Amino acid sequence: NWTSQTSFHEGIMKLLAWHLDKAHPYGPPLQSHQTDDDASSFSETGNDFLSRHNAPLCALDDKLCLQTSHVFPCASECAPASSSVCNPSAFDTVRDIVVDV
């Protein structure tokens, strides 16, 4: 008597988001490097895609959900600016202070 825990719609949304993140693990490519014919010209991350469709996102401490995602410190330049998922750290405030100096 097996029943699924994830709806078909939610599963498809997460699958598409996973493929977006796998295709561009460091965020979407810059607009200047894209052409109109570029099949990979997506300008959003997996989480942006899920948010746009009101699908649930991974919690920052959910290791199982995030196991295939690249989650960088918020202060890191590797964290995509468009992404809402990053790991806060003490360096977030230090970065703001250093920029002011």
N, C-alpha and C. Protein backbone atom coordinates (compact mmCIF):
# COMPACT_ATOMS: atom_id res chain seq x y z
N ASN A 1 0.83 -1.20 0.00
CA ASN A 1 0.00 0.00 0.00
C ASN A 1 0.87 1.25 0.00
N TRP A 2 1.66 1.40 -1.01
CA TRP A 2 2.55 2.55 -1.12
C TRP A 2 1.78 3.76 -1.63
N THR A 3 2.04 4.92 -1.04
CA THR A 3 1.49 6.18 -1.55
C THR A 3 2.63 7.19 -1.61
N SER A 4 2.56 8.06 -2.58
CA SER A 4 3.63 9.04 -2.73
C SER A 4 3.50 10.13 -1.66
N GLN A 5 4.63 10.69 -1.28
CA GLN A 5 4.65 11.80 -0.31
C GLN A 5 4.74 13.14 -1.02
N THR A 6 5.10 13.12 -2.28
CA THR A 6 5.24 14.34 -3.08
C THR A 6 4.23 14.28 -4.22
N SER A 7 3.51 15.37 -4.41
CA SER A 7 2.55 15.41 -5.50
C SER A 7 3.29 15.42 -6.84
N PHE A 8 2.59 15.01 -7.89
CA PHE A 8 3.18 14.99 -9.22
C PHE A 8 3.65 16.39 -9.61
N HIS A 9 2.81 17.40 -9.38
CA HIS A 9 3.12 18.79 -9.74
C HIS A 9 4.37 19.27 -9.00
N GLU A 10 4.44 19.02 -7.69
CA GLU A 10 5.61 19.44 -6.92
C GLU A 10 6.87 18.71 -7.36
N GLY A 11 6.73 17.43 -7.68
CA GLY A 11 7.88 16.65 -8.15
C GLY A 11 8.43 17.17 -9.47
N ILE A 12 7.54 17.52 -10.40
CA ILE A 12 7.97 18.07 -11.69
C ILE A 12 8.65 19.42 -11.49
N MET A 13 8.09 20.25 -10.62
CA MET A 13 8.68 21.57 -10.36
C MET A 13 10.09 21.42 -9.79
N LYS A 14 10.26 20.52 -8.83
CA LYS A 14 11.58 20.32 -8.23
C LYS A 14 12.56 19.72 -9.23
N LEU A 15 12.07 18.85 -10.11
CA LEU A 15 12.93 18.26 -11.14
C LEU A 15 13.42 19.34 -12.10
N LEU A 16 12.54 20.22 -12.55
CA LEU A 16 12.95 21.31 -13.44
C LEU A 16 13.92 22.25 -12.75
N ALA A 17 13.66 22.57 -11.48
CA ALA A 17 14.57 23.44 -10.72
C ALA A 17 15.94 22.77 -10.57
N TRP A 18 15.95 21.48 -10.33
CA TRP A 18 17.22 20.75 -10.19
C TRP A 18 18.02 20.84 -11.49
N HIS A 19 17.34 20.67 -12.63
CA HIS A 19 18.03 20.75 -13.93
C HIS A 19 18.56 22.17 -14.19
N LEU A 20 17.81 23.19 -13.80
CA LEU A 20 18.30 24.56 -13.94
C LEU A 20 19.59 24.76 -13.14
N ASP A 21 19.57 24.27 -11.89
CA ASP A 21 20.75 24.43 -11.03
C ASP A 21 21.93 23.59 -11.51
N LYS A 22 21.67 22.42 -12.07
CA LYS A 22 22.75 21.59 -12.59
C LYS A 22 23.35 22.19 -13.86
N ALA A 23 22.52 22.79 -14.69
CA ALA A 23 23.00 23.39 -15.93
C ALA A 23 23.85 24.63 -15.64
N HIS A 24 23.51 25.36 -14.59
CA HIS A 24 24.22 26.59 -14.22
C HIS A 24 24.44 26.61 -12.71
N PRO A 25 25.40 25.83 -12.19
CA PRO A 25 25.58 25.71 -10.73
C PRO A 25 25.99 27.01 -10.05
N TYR A 26 26.53 27.97 -10.78
CA TYR A 26 26.95 29.23 -10.17
C TYR A 26 26.01 30.37 -10.53
N GLY A 27 24.78 30.02 -10.86
CA GLY A 27 23.79 31.02 -11.21
C GLY A 27 23.62 31.12 -12.72
N PRO A 28 22.60 31.84 -13.14
CA PRO A 28 22.36 31.95 -14.57
C PRO A 28 23.48 32.70 -15.26
N PRO A 29 23.71 32.40 -16.54
CA PRO A 29 24.77 33.11 -17.27
C PRO A 29 24.42 34.58 -17.43
N LEU A 30 25.45 35.40 -17.60
CA LEU A 30 25.24 36.83 -17.80
C LEU A 30 24.50 37.05 -19.11
N GLN A 31 23.63 38.03 -19.12
CA GLN A 31 22.82 38.30 -20.30
C GLN A 31 23.68 38.62 -21.52
N SER A 32 24.84 39.25 -21.32
CA SER A 32 25.69 39.64 -22.45
C SER A 32 26.29 38.44 -23.17
N HIS A 33 26.33 37.27 -22.50
CA HIS A 33 26.91 36.09 -23.11
C HIS A 33 25.87 35.20 -23.78
N GLN A 34 24.64 35.65 -23.84
CA GLN A 34 23.58 34.83 -24.41
C GLN A 34 23.17 35.35 -25.77
N THR A 35 22.68 34.44 -26.58
CA THR A 35 22.10 34.81 -27.86
C THR A 35 20.63 34.44 -27.84
N ASP A 36 19.87 34.95 -28.78
CA ASP A 36 18.44 34.64 -28.84
C ASP A 36 18.20 33.16 -29.12
N ASP A 37 19.13 32.51 -29.78
CA ASP A 37 18.97 31.11 -30.13
C ASP A 37 19.53 30.17 -29.07
N ASP A 38 20.07 30.71 -27.99
CA ASP A 38 20.71 29.90 -26.96
C ASP A 38 19.65 29.11 -26.19
N ALA A 39 19.74 27.78 -26.25
CA ALA A 39 18.77 26.93 -25.58
C ALA A 39 18.92 27.00 -24.07
N SER A 40 20.07 27.44 -23.58
CA SER A 40 20.29 27.49 -22.14
C SER A 40 20.17 28.92 -21.62
N SER A 41 19.36 29.73 -22.25
CA SER A 41 19.27 31.13 -21.88
C SER A 41 18.24 31.38 -20.78
N PHE A 42 18.31 30.60 -19.72
CA PHE A 42 17.43 30.81 -18.58
C PHE A 42 18.06 31.86 -17.68
N SER A 43 17.26 32.80 -17.23
CA SER A 43 17.81 33.88 -16.42
C SER A 43 17.40 33.75 -14.96
N GLU A 44 17.19 32.53 -14.49
CA GLU A 44 16.81 32.33 -13.10
C GLU A 44 17.45 31.07 -12.56
N THR A 45 17.55 31.03 -11.24
CA THR A 45 18.05 29.83 -10.57
C THR A 45 16.89 28.89 -10.32
N GLY A 46 17.21 27.70 -9.84
CA GLY A 46 16.15 26.75 -9.50
C GLY A 46 15.21 27.30 -8.45
N ASN A 47 15.76 27.96 -7.44
CA ASN A 47 14.91 28.53 -6.39
C ASN A 47 14.06 29.68 -6.92
N ASP A 48 14.60 30.47 -7.83
CA ASP A 48 13.81 31.54 -8.45
C ASP A 48 12.63 30.92 -9.21
N PHE A 49 12.90 29.84 -9.93
CA PHE A 49 11.86 29.14 -10.67
C PHE A 49 10.78 28.63 -9.72
N LEU A 50 11.20 27.98 -8.62
CA LEU A 50 10.23 27.46 -7.65
C LEU A 50 9.43 28.59 -7.02
N SER A 51 10.09 29.69 -6.68
CA SER A 51 9.39 30.83 -6.08
C SER A 51 8.36 31.41 -7.05
N ARG A 52 8.72 31.50 -8.30
CA ARG A 52 7.81 32.06 -9.31
C ARG A 52 6.55 31.22 -9.44
N HIS A 53 6.67 29.92 -9.17
CA HIS A 53 5.52 29.01 -9.27
C HIS A 53 4.94 28.66 -7.91
N ASN A 54 5.31 29.42 -6.88
CA ASN A 54 4.80 29.22 -5.52
C ASN A 54 5.00 27.79 -5.01
N ALA A 55 6.11 27.19 -5.39
CA ALA A 55 6.45 25.84 -4.93
C ALA A 55 7.33 25.97 -3.69
N PRO A 56 7.30 24.99 -2.80
CA PRO A 56 8.12 25.07 -1.58
C PRO A 56 9.62 25.02 -1.90
N LEU A 57 10.39 25.78 -1.14
CA LEU A 57 11.85 25.81 -1.27
C LEU A 57 12.48 24.96 -0.18
N CYS A 58 13.74 24.64 -0.36
CA CYS A 58 14.49 23.92 0.67
C CYS A 58 14.78 24.87 1.83
N ALA A 59 14.67 24.37 3.03
CA ALA A 59 15.11 25.12 4.20
C ALA A 59 16.63 25.13 4.20
N LEU A 60 17.24 26.20 4.71
CA LEU A 60 18.70 26.31 4.69
C LEU A 60 19.39 25.21 5.49
N ASP A 61 18.69 24.62 6.46
CA ASP A 61 19.32 23.57 7.27
C ASP A 61 18.87 22.16 6.83
N ASP A 62 18.16 22.04 5.72
CA ASP A 62 17.70 20.75 5.22
C ASP A 62 18.78 20.14 4.32
N LYS A 63 19.66 19.38 4.91
CA LYS A 63 20.81 18.81 4.19
C LYS A 63 20.38 17.86 3.06
N LEU A 64 19.32 17.09 3.28
CA LEU A 64 18.86 16.16 2.26
C LEU A 64 18.33 16.91 1.03
N CYS A 65 17.56 17.94 1.25
CA CYS A 65 16.99 18.72 0.15
C CYS A 65 18.08 19.48 -0.60
N LEU A 66 19.09 19.96 0.10
CA LEU A 66 20.14 20.78 -0.50
C LEU A 66 21.36 19.98 -0.95
N GLN A 67 21.30 18.65 -0.85
CA GLN A 67 22.51 17.86 -1.10
C GLN A 67 23.08 18.02 -2.50
N THR A 68 22.28 18.38 -3.49
CA THR A 68 22.80 18.56 -4.84
C THR A 68 22.94 20.03 -5.21
N SER A 69 22.68 20.93 -4.26
CA SER A 69 22.76 22.36 -4.54
C SER A 69 24.09 22.92 -4.08
N HIS A 70 24.52 23.97 -4.73
CA HIS A 70 25.70 24.70 -4.29
C HIS A 70 25.20 25.87 -3.44
N VAL A 71 25.45 25.80 -2.13
CA VAL A 71 25.03 26.88 -1.24
C VAL A 71 26.29 27.51 -0.68
N PHE A 72 26.53 28.75 -1.06
CA PHE A 72 27.74 29.46 -0.68
C PHE A 72 27.46 30.42 0.47
N PRO A 73 28.49 30.86 1.17
CA PRO A 73 28.30 31.91 2.17
C PRO A 73 27.75 33.17 1.50
N CYS A 74 26.88 33.89 2.17
CA CYS A 74 26.27 35.08 1.59
C CYS A 74 27.31 36.12 1.19
N ALA A 75 28.42 36.22 1.95
CA ALA A 75 29.46 37.20 1.65
C ALA A 75 30.34 36.78 0.46
N SER A 76 30.21 35.55 0.01
CA SER A 76 31.04 35.06 -1.08
C SER A 76 30.60 35.64 -2.42
N GLU A 77 31.57 35.94 -3.27
CA GLU A 77 31.25 36.38 -4.62
C GLU A 77 30.72 35.24 -5.46
N CYS A 78 30.86 34.01 -4.98
CA CYS A 78 30.35 32.85 -5.72
C CYS A 78 28.84 32.69 -5.55
N ALA A 79 28.27 33.28 -4.51
CA ALA A 79 26.83 33.20 -4.30
C ALA A 79 26.14 34.08 -5.34
N PRO A 80 25.29 33.49 -6.18
CA PRO A 80 24.62 34.29 -7.20
C PRO A 80 23.80 35.41 -6.58
N ALA A 81 23.89 36.60 -7.13
CA ALA A 81 23.16 37.74 -6.60
C ALA A 81 21.66 37.53 -6.68
N SER A 82 21.20 36.76 -7.66
CA SER A 82 19.76 36.55 -7.82
C SER A 82 19.23 35.46 -6.90
N SER A 83 20.13 34.71 -6.24
CA SER A 83 19.71 33.60 -5.40
C SER A 83 19.36 34.07 -4.00
N SER A 84 18.28 33.51 -3.47
CA SER A 84 17.89 33.83 -2.10
C SER A 84 18.44 32.81 -1.12
N VAL A 85 19.19 31.83 -1.62
CA VAL A 85 19.74 30.79 -0.75
C VAL A 85 21.24 30.98 -0.60
N CYS A 86 21.65 31.29 0.62
CA CYS A 86 23.06 31.38 0.96
C CYS A 86 23.18 31.14 2.46
N ASN A 87 24.37 30.81 2.90
CA ASN A 87 24.59 30.56 4.32
C ASN A 87 25.09 31.84 5.00
N PRO A 88 24.30 32.40 5.90
CA PRO A 88 24.76 33.59 6.61
C PRO A 88 25.97 33.25 7.48
N SER A 89 26.86 34.23 7.66
CA SER A 89 28.03 34.02 8.50
C SER A 89 28.46 35.35 9.11
N ALA A 90 29.46 35.30 9.96
CA ALA A 90 29.99 36.52 10.58
C ALA A 90 30.61 37.44 9.54
N PHE A 91 31.00 36.90 8.41
CA PHE A 91 31.65 37.71 7.38
C PHE A 91 30.68 38.64 6.67
N ASP A 92 29.38 38.41 6.80
CA ASP A 92 28.40 39.29 6.16
C ASP A 92 28.53 40.71 6.70
N THR A 93 28.64 40.86 8.02
CA THR A 93 28.78 42.20 8.62
C THR A 93 30.18 42.75 8.41
N VAL A 94 31.18 41.87 8.42
CA VAL A 94 32.56 42.32 8.19
C VAL A 94 32.69 42.90 6.78
N ARG A 95 32.07 42.26 5.83
CA ARG A 95 32.13 42.74 4.45
C ARG A 95 31.58 44.16 4.34
N ASP A 96 30.46 44.43 5.00
CA ASP A 96 29.88 45.76 4.97
C ASP A 96 30.79 46.81 5.60
N ILE A 97 31.49 46.42 6.67
CA ILE A 97 32.41 47.34 7.34
C ILE A 97 33.62 47.62 6.45
N VAL A 98 34.16 46.58 5.84
CA VAL A 98 35.34 46.73 4.98
C VAL A 98 35.01 47.59 3.75
N VAL A 99 33.83 47.45 3.22
CA VAL A 99 33.44 48.24 2.06
C VAL A 99 33.38 49.71 2.43
N ASP A 100 32.95 50.01 3.66
CA ASP A 100 32.85 51.40 4.13
C ASP A 100 34.22 52.04 4.34
N VAL A 101 35.25 51.22 4.58
CA VAL A 101 36.58 51.74 4.87
C VAL A 101 37.28 52.15 3.64
